[in-house]
Amino acid sequence: MNMDHPDLFMKVLPALESKIEEFQHFGYDHITKEDVWNYCVKKKWRKKIIEELKLHEVVETVFSISASEIVSFTQIQSFQTSNWFGELNQNDLNELFRKDPKKG
């Protein structure tokens, strides 16, 4: 997993761990601190200069995230990075998308 801004990640690690404990309390055992961090970096702060964020802003963002936000983001990321036709070669794709001669 790509970990952007590792120094800042380490500074807010206690907040991330606390958030993960909250999620686990509500039954979201599959969400990791890396998932929360990547959500912040790629979604919450995508238009910001992360190095210019104040520590309290970073912690506030972490604590404000809901489990449903993380789950939705993770699902969308999964769909966007999936190669739906990865095992098909060009002939298979042509066959799949060819016009049916019977329908004209």
PDB file of N, CA and C in Angstrom:
ATOM      1  N   MET A   1       0.841  -1.182   0.000  1.00  0.00           N
ATOM      2  CA  MET A   1       0.000   0.000   0.000  1.00  0.00           C
ATOM      3  C   MET A   1       0.882   1.239   0.000  1.00  0.00           C
ATOM      4  N   ASN A   2       0.556   2.181  -0.840  1.00  0.00           N
ATOM      5  CA  ASN A   2       1.302   3.426  -0.944  1.00  0.00           C
ATOM      6  C   ASN A   2       1.037   4.281   0.293  1.00  0.00           C
ATOM      7  N   MET A   3       2.090   4.697   0.966  1.00  0.00           N
ATOM      8  CA  MET A   3       1.932   5.507   2.158  1.00  0.00           C
ATOM      9  C   MET A   3       2.530   6.891   1.910  1.00  0.00           C
ATOM     10  N   ASP A   4       1.661   7.862   1.610  1.00  0.00           N
ATOM     11  CA  ASP A   4       2.092   9.231   1.376  1.00  0.00           C
ATOM     12  C   ASP A   4       2.296   9.954   2.714  1.00  0.00           C
ATOM     13  N   HIS A   5       3.282  10.809   2.768  1.00  0.00           N
ATOM     14  CA  HIS A   5       3.564  11.663   3.922  1.00  0.00           C
ATOM     15  C   HIS A   5       3.800  10.857   5.205  1.00  0.00           C
ATOM     16  N   PRO A   6       4.808   9.989   5.211  1.00  0.00           N
ATOM     17  CA  PRO A   6       5.023   9.105   6.365  1.00  0.00           C
ATOM     18  C   PRO A   6       5.344   9.843   7.667  1.00  0.00           C
ATOM     19  N   ASP A   7       6.008  11.002   7.598  1.00  0.00           N
ATOM     20  CA  ASP A   7       6.335  11.730   8.831  1.00  0.00           C
ATOM     21  C   ASP A   7       5.070  12.240   9.517  1.00  0.00           C
ATOM     22  N   LEU A   8       4.161  12.799   8.737  1.00  0.00           N
ATOM     23  CA  LEU A   8       2.902  13.286   9.294  1.00  0.00           C
ATOM     24  C   LEU A   8       2.058  12.120   9.799  1.00  0.00           C
ATOM     25  N   PHE A   9       2.083  11.024   9.077  1.00  0.00           N
ATOM     26  CA  PHE A   9       1.368   9.812   9.504  1.00  0.00           C
ATOM     27  C   PHE A   9       1.825   9.407  10.908  1.00  0.00           C
ATOM     28  N   MET A  10       3.125   9.391  11.128  1.00  0.00           N
ATOM     29  CA  MET A  10       3.659   8.982  12.437  1.00  0.00           C
ATOM     30  C   MET A  10       3.246   9.963  13.538  1.00  0.00           C
ATOM     31  N   LYS A  11       3.162  11.249  13.204  1.00  0.00           N
ATOM     32  CA  LYS A  11       2.757  12.246  14.205  1.00  0.00           C
ATOM     33  C   LYS A  11       1.315  12.049  14.656  1.00  0.00           C
ATOM     34  N   VAL A  12       0.450  11.640  13.740  1.00  0.00           N
ATOM     35  CA  VAL A  12      -0.971  11.503  14.071  1.00  0.00           C
ATOM     36  C   VAL A  12      -1.370  10.046  14.303  1.00  0.00           C
ATOM     37  N   LEU A  13      -0.398   9.171  14.411  1.00  0.00           N
ATOM     38  CA  LEU A  13      -0.679   7.757  14.620  1.00  0.00           C
ATOM     39  C   LEU A  13      -1.584   7.497  15.832  1.00  0.00           C
ATOM     40  N   PRO A  14      -1.386   8.167  16.971  1.00  0.00           N
ATOM     41  CA  PRO A  14      -2.309   7.932  18.093  1.00  0.00           C
ATOM     42  C   PRO A  14      -3.766   8.282  17.750  1.00  0.00           C
ATOM     43  N   ALA A  15      -3.983   9.331  16.985  1.00  0.00           N
ATOM     44  CA  ALA A  15      -5.350   9.692  16.568  1.00  0.00           C
ATOM     45  C   ALA A  15      -5.915   8.644  15.619  1.00  0.00           C
ATOM     46  N   LEU A  16      -5.100   8.160  14.716  1.00  0.00           N
ATOM     47  CA  LEU A  16      -5.536   7.117  13.790  1.00  0.00           C
ATOM     48  C   LEU A  16      -5.894   5.834  14.543  1.00  0.00           C
ATOM     49  N   GLU A  17      -5.070   5.456  15.497  1.00  0.00           N
ATOM     50  CA  GLU A  17      -5.333   4.251  16.282  1.00  0.00           C
ATOM     51  C   GLU A  17      -6.611   4.398  17.101  1.00  0.00           C
ATOM     52  N   SER A  18      -6.842   5.591  17.633  1.00  0.00           N
ATOM     53  CA  SER A  18      -8.065   5.850  18.378  1.00  0.00           C
ATOM     54  C   SER A  18      -9.292   5.725  17.475  1.00  0.00           C
ATOM     55  N   LYS A  19      -9.177   6.241  16.255  1.00  0.00           N
ATOM     56  CA  LYS A  19     -10.288   6.153  15.303  1.00  0.00           C
ATOM     57  C   LYS A  19     -10.559   4.700  14.932  1.00  0.00           C
ATOM     58  N   ILE A  20      -9.522   3.920  14.754  1.00  0.00           N
ATOM     59  CA  ILE A  20      -9.678   2.503  14.422  1.00  0.00           C
ATOM     60  C   ILE A  20     -10.370   1.774  15.577  1.00  0.00           C
ATOM     61  N   GLU A  21     -10.013   2.093  16.813  1.00  0.00           N
ATOM     62  CA  GLU A  21     -10.678   1.495  17.970  1.00  0.00           C
ATOM     63  C   GLU A  21     -12.168   1.834  17.976  1.00  0.00           C
ATOM     64  N   GLU A  22     -12.503   3.064  17.619  1.00  0.00           N
ATOM     65  CA  GLU A  22     -13.910   3.471  17.517  1.00  0.00           C
ATOM     66  C   GLU A  22     -14.632   2.638  16.457  1.00  0.00           C
ATOM     67  N   PHE A  23     -14.015   2.496  15.293  1.00  0.00           N
ATOM     68  CA  PHE A  23     -14.629   1.701  14.224  1.00  0.00           C
ATOM     69  C   PHE A  23     -14.816   0.251  14.665  1.00  0.00           C
ATOM     70  N   GLN A  24     -13.823  -0.302  15.347  1.00  0.00           N
ATOM     71  CA  GLN A  24     -13.920  -1.682  15.816  1.00  0.00           C
ATOM     72  C   GLN A  24     -15.044  -1.844  16.833  1.00  0.00           C
ATOM     73  N   HIS A  25     -15.244  -0.838  17.648  1.00  0.00           N
ATOM     74  CA  HIS A  25     -16.329  -0.865  18.629  1.00  0.00           C
ATOM     75  C   HIS A  25     -17.690  -1.006  17.928  1.00  0.00           C
ATOM     76  N   PHE A  26     -17.812  -0.411  16.754  1.00  0.00           N
ATOM     77  CA  PHE A  26     -19.057  -0.475  15.994  1.00  0.00           C
ATOM     78  C   PHE A  26     -19.077  -1.608  14.966  1.00  0.00           C
ATOM     79  N   GLY A  27     -18.083  -2.495  15.027  1.00  0.00           N
ATOM     80  CA  GLY A  27     -18.095  -3.680  14.183  1.00  0.00           C
ATOM     81  C   GLY A  27     -17.374  -3.561  12.856  1.00  0.00           C
ATOM     82  N   TYR A  28     -16.667  -2.486  12.630  1.00  0.00           N
ATOM     83  CA  TYR A  28     -15.906  -2.310  11.386  1.00  0.00           C
ATOM     84  C   TYR A  28     -14.463  -2.751  11.611  1.00  0.00           C
ATOM     85  N   ASP A  29     -14.273  -4.046  11.734  1.00  0.00           N
ATOM     86  CA  ASP A  29     -12.957  -4.601  12.045  1.00  0.00           C
ATOM     87  C   ASP A  29     -12.001  -4.593  10.865  1.00  0.00           C
ATOM     88  N   HIS A  30     -12.519  -4.442   9.665  1.00  0.00           N
ATOM     89  CA  HIS A  30     -11.684  -4.536   8.467  1.00  0.00           C
ATOM     90  C   HIS A  30     -11.017  -3.207   8.092  1.00  0.00           C
ATOM     91  N   ILE A  31     -11.424  -2.096   8.703  1.00  0.00           N
ATOM     92  CA  ILE A  31     -10.831  -0.791   8.379  1.00  0.00           C
ATOM     93  C   ILE A  31      -9.522  -0.641   9.137  1.00  0.00           C
ATOM     94  N   THR A  32      -8.465  -0.263   8.408  1.00  0.00           N
ATOM     95  CA  THR A  32      -7.142  -0.092   9.017  1.00  0.00           C
ATOM     96  C   THR A  32      -6.783   1.385   9.120  1.00  0.00           C
ATOM     97  N   LYS A  33      -5.761   1.665   9.898  1.00  0.00           N
ATOM     98  CA  LYS A  33      -5.304   3.057  10.002  1.00  0.00           C
ATOM     99  C   LYS A  33      -4.768   3.548   8.666  1.00  0.00           C
ATOM    100  N   GLU A  34      -4.228   2.631   7.857  1.00  0.00           N
ATOM    101  CA  GLU A  34      -3.764   3.017   6.517  1.00  0.00           C
ATOM    102  C   GLU A  34      -4.938   3.386   5.620  1.00  0.00           C
ATOM    103  N   ASP A  35      -6.068   2.682   5.777  1.00  0.00           N
ATOM    104  CA  ASP A  35      -7.277   3.041   5.022  1.00  0.00           C
ATOM    105  C   ASP A  35      -7.735   4.450   5.366  1.00  0.00           C
ATOM    106  N   VAL A  36      -7.753   4.764   6.647  1.00  0.00           N
ATOM    107  CA  VAL A  36      -8.162   6.099   7.099  1.00  0.00           C
ATOM    108  C   VAL A  36      -7.196   7.145   6.559  1.00  0.00           C
ATOM    109  N   TRP A  37      -5.914   6.857   6.652  1.00  0.00           N
ATOM    110  CA  TRP A  37      -4.901   7.801   6.189  1.00  0.00           C
ATOM    111  C   TRP A  37      -5.025   8.045   4.677  1.00  0.00           C
ATOM    112  N   ASN A  38      -5.158   6.977   3.912  1.00  0.00           N
ATOM    113  CA  ASN A  38      -5.275   7.134   2.466  1.00  0.00           C
ATOM    114  C   ASN A  38      -6.540   7.885   2.086  1.00  0.00           C
ATOM    115  N   TYR A  39      -7.618   7.668   2.833  1.00  0.00           N
ATOM    116  CA  TYR A  39      -8.852   8.420   2.593  1.00  0.00           C
ATOM    117  C   TYR A  39      -8.606   9.916   2.807  1.00  0.00           C
ATOM    118  N   CYS A  40      -7.926  10.242   3.889  1.00  0.00           N
ATOM    119  CA  CYS A  40      -7.624  11.656   4.162  1.00  0.00           C
ATOM    120  C   CYS A  40      -6.777  12.263   3.044  1.00  0.00           C
ATOM    121  N   VAL A  41      -5.705  11.568   2.687  1.00  0.00           N
ATOM    122  CA  VAL A  41      -4.772  12.097   1.686  1.00  0.00           C
ATOM    123  C   VAL A  41      -5.438  12.226   0.321  1.00  0.00           C
ATOM    124  N   LYS A  42      -6.160  11.200  -0.092  1.00  0.00           N
ATOM    125  CA  LYS A  42      -6.698  11.173  -1.455  1.00  0.00           C
ATOM    126  C   LYS A  42      -8.058  11.825  -1.607  1.00  0.00           C
ATOM    127  N   LYS A  43      -8.817  11.967  -0.536  1.00  0.00           N
ATOM    128  CA  LYS A  43     -10.155  12.530  -0.636  1.00  0.00           C
ATOM    129  C   LYS A  43     -10.276  13.862   0.100  1.00  0.00           C
ATOM    130  N   LYS A  44     -10.012  13.849   1.382  1.00  0.00           N
ATOM    131  CA  LYS A  44     -10.216  15.040   2.206  1.00  0.00           C
ATOM    132  C   LYS A  44      -9.228  16.169   1.876  1.00  0.00           C
ATOM    133  N   TRP A  45      -7.980  15.797   1.603  1.00  0.00           N
ATOM    134  CA  TRP A  45      -6.945  16.810   1.387  1.00  0.00           C
ATOM    135  C   TRP A  45      -6.459  16.869  -0.050  1.00  0.00           C
ATOM    136  N   ARG A  46      -7.200  16.318  -0.982  1.00  0.00           N
ATOM    137  CA  ARG A  46      -6.709  16.214  -2.356  1.00  0.00           C
ATOM    138  C   ARG A  46      -6.421  17.576  -2.999  1.00  0.00           C
ATOM    139  N   LYS A  47      -7.097  18.626  -2.567  1.00  0.00           N
ATOM    140  CA  LYS A  47      -6.877  19.951  -3.154  1.00  0.00           C
ATOM    141  C   LYS A  47      -6.071  20.861  -2.228  1.00  0.00           C
ATOM    142  N   LYS A  48      -5.488  20.279  -1.205  1.00  0.00           N
ATOM    143  CA  LYS A  48      -4.722  21.066  -0.236  1.00  0.00           C
ATOM    144  C   LYS A  48      -3.256  20.694  -0.308  1.00  0.00           C
ATOM    145  N   ILE A  49      -2.431  21.604   0.152  1.00  0.00           N
ATOM    146  CA  ILE A  49      -1.011  21.310   0.297  1.00  0.00           C
ATOM    147  C   ILE A  49      -0.843  20.716   1.689  1.00  0.00           C
ATOM    148  N   ILE A  50      -0.645  19.429   1.718  1.00  0.00           N
ATOM    149  CA  ILE A  50      -0.673  18.696   2.985  1.00  0.00           C
ATOM    150  C   ILE A  50       0.417  19.171   3.944  1.00  0.00           C
ATOM    151  N   GLU A  51       1.559  19.537   3.411  1.00  0.00           N
ATOM    152  CA  GLU A  51       2.656  20.011   4.258  1.00  0.00           C
ATOM    153  C   GLU A  51       2.288  21.310   4.985  1.00  0.00           C
ATOM    154  N   GLU A  52       1.300  22.040   4.490  1.00  0.00           N
ATOM    155  CA  GLU A  52       0.902  23.300   5.116  1.00  0.00           C
ATOM    156  C   GLU A  52      -0.234  23.130   6.127  1.00  0.00           C
ATOM    157  N   LEU A  53      -0.784  21.919   6.243  1.00  0.00           N
ATOM    158  CA  LEU A  53      -1.841  21.681   7.224  1.00  0.00           C
ATOM    159  C   LEU A  53      -1.260  21.722   8.631  1.00  0.00           C
ATOM    160  N   LYS A  54      -2.015  22.309   9.530  1.00  0.00           N
ATOM    161  CA  LYS A  54      -1.599  22.321  10.925  1.00  0.00           C
ATOM    162  C   LYS A  54      -1.966  20.986  11.556  1.00  0.00           C
ATOM    163  N   LEU A  55      -1.218  20.594  12.564  1.00  0.00           N
ATOM    164  CA  LEU A  55      -1.423  19.297  13.202  1.00  0.00           C
ATOM    165  C   LEU A  55      -2.850  19.146  13.722  1.00  0.00           C
ATOM    166  N   HIS A  56      -3.388  20.207  14.314  1.00  0.00           N
ATOM    167  CA  HIS A  56      -4.748  20.110  14.850  1.00  0.00           C
ATOM    168  C   HIS A  56      -5.782  19.934  13.735  1.00  0.00           C
ATOM    169  N   GLU A  57      -5.512  20.473  12.532  1.00  0.00           N
ATOM    170  CA  GLU A  57      -6.417  20.266  11.397  1.00  0.00           C
ATOM    171  C   GLU A  57      -6.400  18.808  10.935  1.00  0.00           C
ATOM    172  N   VAL A  58      -5.221  18.228  10.932  1.00  0.00           N
ATOM    173  CA  VAL A  58      -5.075  16.829  10.530  1.00  0.00           C
ATOM    174  C   VAL A  58      -5.811  15.928  11.511  1.00  0.00           C
ATOM    175  N   VAL A  59      -5.605  16.151  12.809  1.00  0.00           N
ATOM    176  CA  VAL A  59      -6.260  15.338  13.834  1.00  0.00           C
ATOM    177  C   VAL A  59      -7.780  15.531  13.775  1.00  0.00           C
ATOM    178  N   GLU A  60      -8.227  16.753  13.579  1.00  0.00           N
ATOM    179  CA  GLU A  60      -9.664  17.027  13.474  1.00  0.00           C
ATOM    180  C   GLU A  60     -10.281  16.270  12.303  1.00  0.00           C
ATOM    181  N   THR A  61      -9.584  16.253  11.185  1.00  0.00           N
ATOM    182  CA  THR A  61     -10.072  15.515  10.021  1.00  0.00           C
ATOM    183  C   THR A  61     -10.200  14.033  10.335  1.00  0.00           C
ATOM    184  N   VAL A  62      -9.183  13.468  10.950  1.00  0.00           N
ATOM    185  CA  VAL A  62      -9.200  12.045  11.294  1.00  0.00           C
ATOM    186  C   VAL A  62     -10.397  11.732  12.188  1.00  0.00           C
ATOM    187  N   PHE A  63     -10.624  12.559  13.211  1.00  0.00           N
ATOM    188  CA  PHE A  63     -11.708  12.289  14.155  1.00  0.00           C
ATOM    189  C   PHE A  63     -13.091  12.536  13.563  1.00  0.00           C
ATOM    190  N   SER A  64     -13.179  13.302  12.484  1.00  0.00           N
ATOM    191  CA  SER A  64     -14.488  13.619  11.906  1.00  0.00           C
ATOM    192  C   SER A  64     -14.976  12.585  10.885  1.00  0.00           C
ATOM    193  N   ILE A  65     -14.141  11.640  10.514  1.00  0.00           N
ATOM    194  CA  ILE A  65     -14.478  10.672   9.467  1.00  0.00           C
ATOM    195  C   ILE A  65     -15.403   9.589  10.016  1.00  0.00           C
ATOM    196  N   SER A  66     -16.382   9.225   9.194  1.00  0.00           N
ATOM    197  CA  SER A  66     -17.267   8.116   9.570  1.00  0.00           C
ATOM    198  C   SER A  66     -16.827   6.840   8.853  1.00  0.00           C
ATOM    199  N   ALA A  67     -17.228   5.723   9.413  1.00  0.00           N
ATOM    200  CA  ALA A  67     -16.887   4.435   8.807  1.00  0.00           C
ATOM    201  C   ALA A  67     -17.497   4.307   7.421  1.00  0.00           C
ATOM    202  N   SER A  68     -18.703   4.822   7.235  1.00  0.00           N
ATOM    203  CA  SER A  68     -19.354   4.720   5.925  1.00  0.00           C
ATOM    204  C   SER A  68     -18.584   5.490   4.855  1.00  0.00           C
ATOM    205  N   GLU A  69     -17.947   6.592   5.223  1.00  0.00           N
ATOM    206  CA  GLU A  69     -17.125   7.327   4.261  1.00  0.00           C
ATOM    207  C   GLU A  69     -15.957   6.469   3.782  1.00  0.00           C
ATOM    208  N   ILE A  70     -15.304   5.808   4.721  1.00  0.00           N
ATOM    209  CA  ILE A  70     -14.159   4.957   4.388  1.00  0.00           C
ATOM    210  C   ILE A  70     -14.592   3.785   3.516  1.00  0.00           C
ATOM    211  N   VAL A  71     -15.692   3.136   3.897  1.00  0.00           N
ATOM    212  CA  VAL A  71     -16.182   1.984   3.141  1.00  0.00           C
ATOM    213  C   VAL A  71     -16.535   2.396   1.712  1.00  0.00           C
ATOM    214  N   SER A  72     -17.264   3.495   1.554  1.00  0.00           N
ATOM    215  CA  SER A  72     -17.639   3.969   0.218  1.00  0.00           C
ATOM    216  C   SER A  72     -16.410   4.306  -0.622  1.00  0.00           C
ATOM    217  N   PHE A  73     -15.471   5.016  -0.019  1.00  0.00           N
ATOM    218  CA  PHE A  73     -14.255   5.404  -0.726  1.00  0.00           C
ATOM    219  C   PHE A  73     -13.464   4.176  -1.168  1.00  0.00           C
ATOM    220  N   THR A  74     -13.342   3.204  -0.272  1.00  0.00           N
ATOM    221  CA  THR A  74     -12.598   1.988  -0.589  1.00  0.00           C
ATOM    222  C   THR A  74     -13.256   1.217  -1.725  1.00  0.00           C
ATOM    223  N   GLN A  75     -14.580   1.145  -1.710  1.00  0.00           N
ATOM    224  CA  GLN A  75     -15.292   0.453  -2.785  1.00  0.00           C
ATOM    225  C   GLN A  75     -15.092   1.154  -4.120  1.00  0.00           C
ATOM    226  N   ILE A  76     -15.186   2.456  -4.129  1.00  0.00           N
ATOM    227  CA  ILE A  76     -14.998   3.221  -5.367  1.00  0.00           C
ATOM    228  C   ILE A  76     -13.579   3.047  -5.883  1.00  0.00           C
ATOM    229  N   GLN A  77     -12.587   3.115  -4.985  1.00  0.00           N
ATOM    230  CA  GLN A  77     -11.197   2.913  -5.386  1.00  0.00           C
ATOM    231  C   GLN A  77     -11.000   1.535  -5.992  1.00  0.00           C
ATOM    232  N   SER A  78     -11.646   0.552  -5.416  1.00  0.00           N
ATOM    233  CA  SER A  78     -11.536  -0.813  -5.916  1.00  0.00           C
ATOM    234  C   SER A  78     -12.108  -0.928  -7.325  1.00  0.00           C
ATOM    235  N   PHE A  79     -13.257  -0.315  -7.550  1.00  0.00           N
ATOM    236  CA  PHE A  79     -13.865  -0.352  -8.884  1.00  0.00           C
ATOM    237  C   PHE A  79     -13.007   0.387  -9.906  1.00  0.00           C
ATOM    238  N   GLN A  80     -12.412   1.507  -9.500  1.00  0.00           N
ATOM    239  CA  GLN A  80     -11.615   2.307 -10.426  1.00  0.00           C
ATOM    240  C   GLN A  80     -10.304   1.637 -10.795  1.00  0.00           C
ATOM    241  N   THR A  81      -9.766   0.817  -9.919  1.00  0.00           N
ATOM    242  CA  THR A  81      -8.473   0.199 -10.199  1.00  0.00           C
ATOM    243  C   THR A  81      -8.598  -1.212 -10.745  1.00  0.00           C
ATOM    244  N   SER A  82      -9.818  -1.745 -10.769  1.00  0.00           N
ATOM    245  CA  SER A  82     -10.011  -3.095 -11.285  1.00  0.00           C
ATOM    246  C   SER A  82      -9.856  -3.121 -12.796  1.00  0.00           C
ATOM    247  N   ASN A  83      -9.216  -4.158 -13.276  1.00  0.00           N
ATOM    248  CA  ASN A  83      -9.095  -4.377 -14.709  1.00  0.00           C
ATOM    249  C   ASN A  83     -10.103  -5.461 -15.066  1.00  0.00           C
ATOM    250  N   TRP A  84     -11.283  -5.031 -15.446  1.00  0.00           N
ATOM    251  CA  TRP A  84     -12.399  -5.934 -15.676  1.00  0.00           C
ATOM    252  C   TRP A  84     -12.126  -6.934 -16.794  1.00  0.00           C
ATOM    253  N   PHE A  85     -11.310  -6.544 -17.769  1.00  0.00           N
ATOM    254  CA  PHE A  85     -11.051  -7.397 -18.927  1.00  0.00           C
ATOM    255  C   PHE A  85      -9.603  -7.843 -18.975  1.00  0.00           C
ATOM    256  N   GLY A  86      -8.945  -7.917 -17.821  1.00  0.00           N
ATOM    257  CA  GLY A  86      -7.525  -8.222 -17.758  1.00  0.00           C
ATOM    258  C   GLY A  86      -7.132  -9.551 -18.356  1.00  0.00           C
ATOM    259  N   GLU A  87      -7.994 -10.551 -18.253  1.00  0.00           N
ATOM    260  CA  GLU A  87      -7.644 -11.875 -18.758  1.00  0.00           C
ATOM    261  C   GLU A  87      -8.040 -12.087 -20.214  1.00  0.00           C
ATOM    262  N   LEU A  88      -8.712 -11.116 -20.806  1.00  0.00           N
ATOM    263  CA  LEU A  88      -9.131 -11.250 -22.202  1.00  0.00           C
ATOM    264  C   LEU A  88      -8.056 -10.706 -23.133  1.00  0.00           C
ATOM    265  N   ASN A  89      -7.859 -11.379 -24.253  1.00  0.00           N
ATOM    266  CA  ASN A  89      -6.956 -10.836 -25.260  1.00  0.00           C
ATOM    267  C   ASN A  89      -7.775 -10.042 -26.273  1.00  0.00           C
ATOM    268  N   GLN A  90      -7.127  -9.460 -27.253  1.00  0.00           N
ATOM    269  CA  GLN A  90      -7.816  -8.606 -28.217  1.00  0.00           C
ATOM    270  C   GLN A  90      -8.889  -9.371 -28.992  1.00  0.00           C
ATOM    271  N   ASN A  91      -8.626 -10.612 -29.372  1.00  0.00           N
ATOM    272  CA  ASN A  91      -9.630 -11.404 -30.093  1.00  0.00           C
ATOM    273  C   ASN A  91     -10.869 -11.639 -29.235  1.00  0.00           C
ATOM    274  N   ASP A  92     -10.662 -11.912 -27.955  1.00  0.00           N
ATOM    275  CA  ASP A  92     -11.791 -12.099 -27.047  1.00  0.00           C
ATOM    276  C   ASP A  92     -12.622 -10.821 -26.945  1.00  0.00           C
ATOM    277  N   LEU A  93     -11.948  -9.683 -26.831  1.00  0.00           N
ATOM    278  CA  LEU A  93     -12.661  -8.409 -26.750  1.00  0.00           C
ATOM    279  C   LEU A  93     -13.432  -8.121 -28.028  1.00  0.00           C
ATOM    280  N   ASN A  94     -12.802  -8.388 -29.184  1.00  0.00           N
ATOM    281  CA  ASN A  94     -13.496  -8.180 -30.457  1.00  0.00           C
ATOM    282  C   ASN A  94     -14.740  -9.052 -30.542  1.00  0.00           C
ATOM    283  N   GLU A  95     -14.615 -10.282 -30.117  1.00  0.00           N
ATOM    284  CA  GLU A  95     -15.762 -11.199 -30.127  1.00  0.00           C
ATOM    285  C   GLU A  95     -16.855 -10.721 -29.179  1.00  0.00           C
ATOM    286  N   LEU A  96     -16.447 -10.238 -28.031  1.00  0.00           N
ATOM    287  CA  LEU A  96     -17.402  -9.777 -27.040  1.00  0.00           C
ATOM    288  C   LEU A  96     -18.195  -8.572 -27.540  1.00  0.00           C
ATOM    289  N   PHE A  97     -17.532  -7.668 -28.235  1.00  0.00           N
ATOM    290  CA  PHE A  97     -18.181  -6.428 -28.651  1.00  0.00           C
ATOM    291  C   PHE A  97     -18.570  -6.385 -30.135  1.00  0.00           C
ATOM    292  N   ARG A  98     -18.493  -7.505 -30.823  1.00  0.00           N
ATOM    293  CA  ARG A  98     -18.847  -7.489 -32.250  1.00  0.00           C
ATOM    294  C   ARG A  98     -20.358  -7.391 -32.395  1.00  0.00           C
ATOM    295  N   LYS A  99     -20.740  -6.822 -33.493  1.00  0.00           N
ATOM    296  CA  LYS A  99     -22.143  -6.681 -33.810  1.00  0.00           C
ATOM    297  C   LYS A  99     -22.735  -8.022 -34.164  1.00  0.00           C
ATOM    298  N   ASP A 100     -23.931  -8.280 -33.716  1.00  0.00           N
ATOM    299  CA  ASP A 100     -24.629  -9.535 -34.050  1.00  0.00           C
ATOM    300  C   ASP A 100     -25.119  -9.425 -35.495  1.00  0.00           C
ATOM    301  N   PRO A 101     -24.629 -10.284 -36.408  1.00  0.00           N
ATOM    302  CA  PRO A 101     -25.028 -10.182 -37.817  1.00  0.00           C
ATOM    303  C   PRO A 101     -26.529 -10.417 -38.010  1.00  0.00           C
ATOM    304  N   LYS A 102     -27.164 -11.120 -37.121  1.00  0.00           N
ATOM    305  CA  LYS A 102     -28.584 -11.400 -37.243  1.00  0.00           C
ATOM    306  C   LYS A 102     -29.433 -10.162 -36.950  1.00  0.00           C
ATOM    307  N   LYS A 103     -28.897  -9.272 -36.102  1.00  0.00           N
ATOM    308  CA  LYS A 103     -29.647  -8.067 -35.726  1.00  0.00           C
ATOM    309  C   LYS A 103     -29.378  -6.897 -36.644  1.00  0.00           C
ATOM    310  N   GLY A 104     -28.378  -7.027 -37.463  1.00  0.00           N
ATOM    311  CA  GLY A 104     -28.101  -6.021 -38.475  1.00  0.00           C
ATOM    312  C   GLY A 104     -27.387  -4.883 -37.949  1.00  0.00           C
TER     313      GLY A 104
END
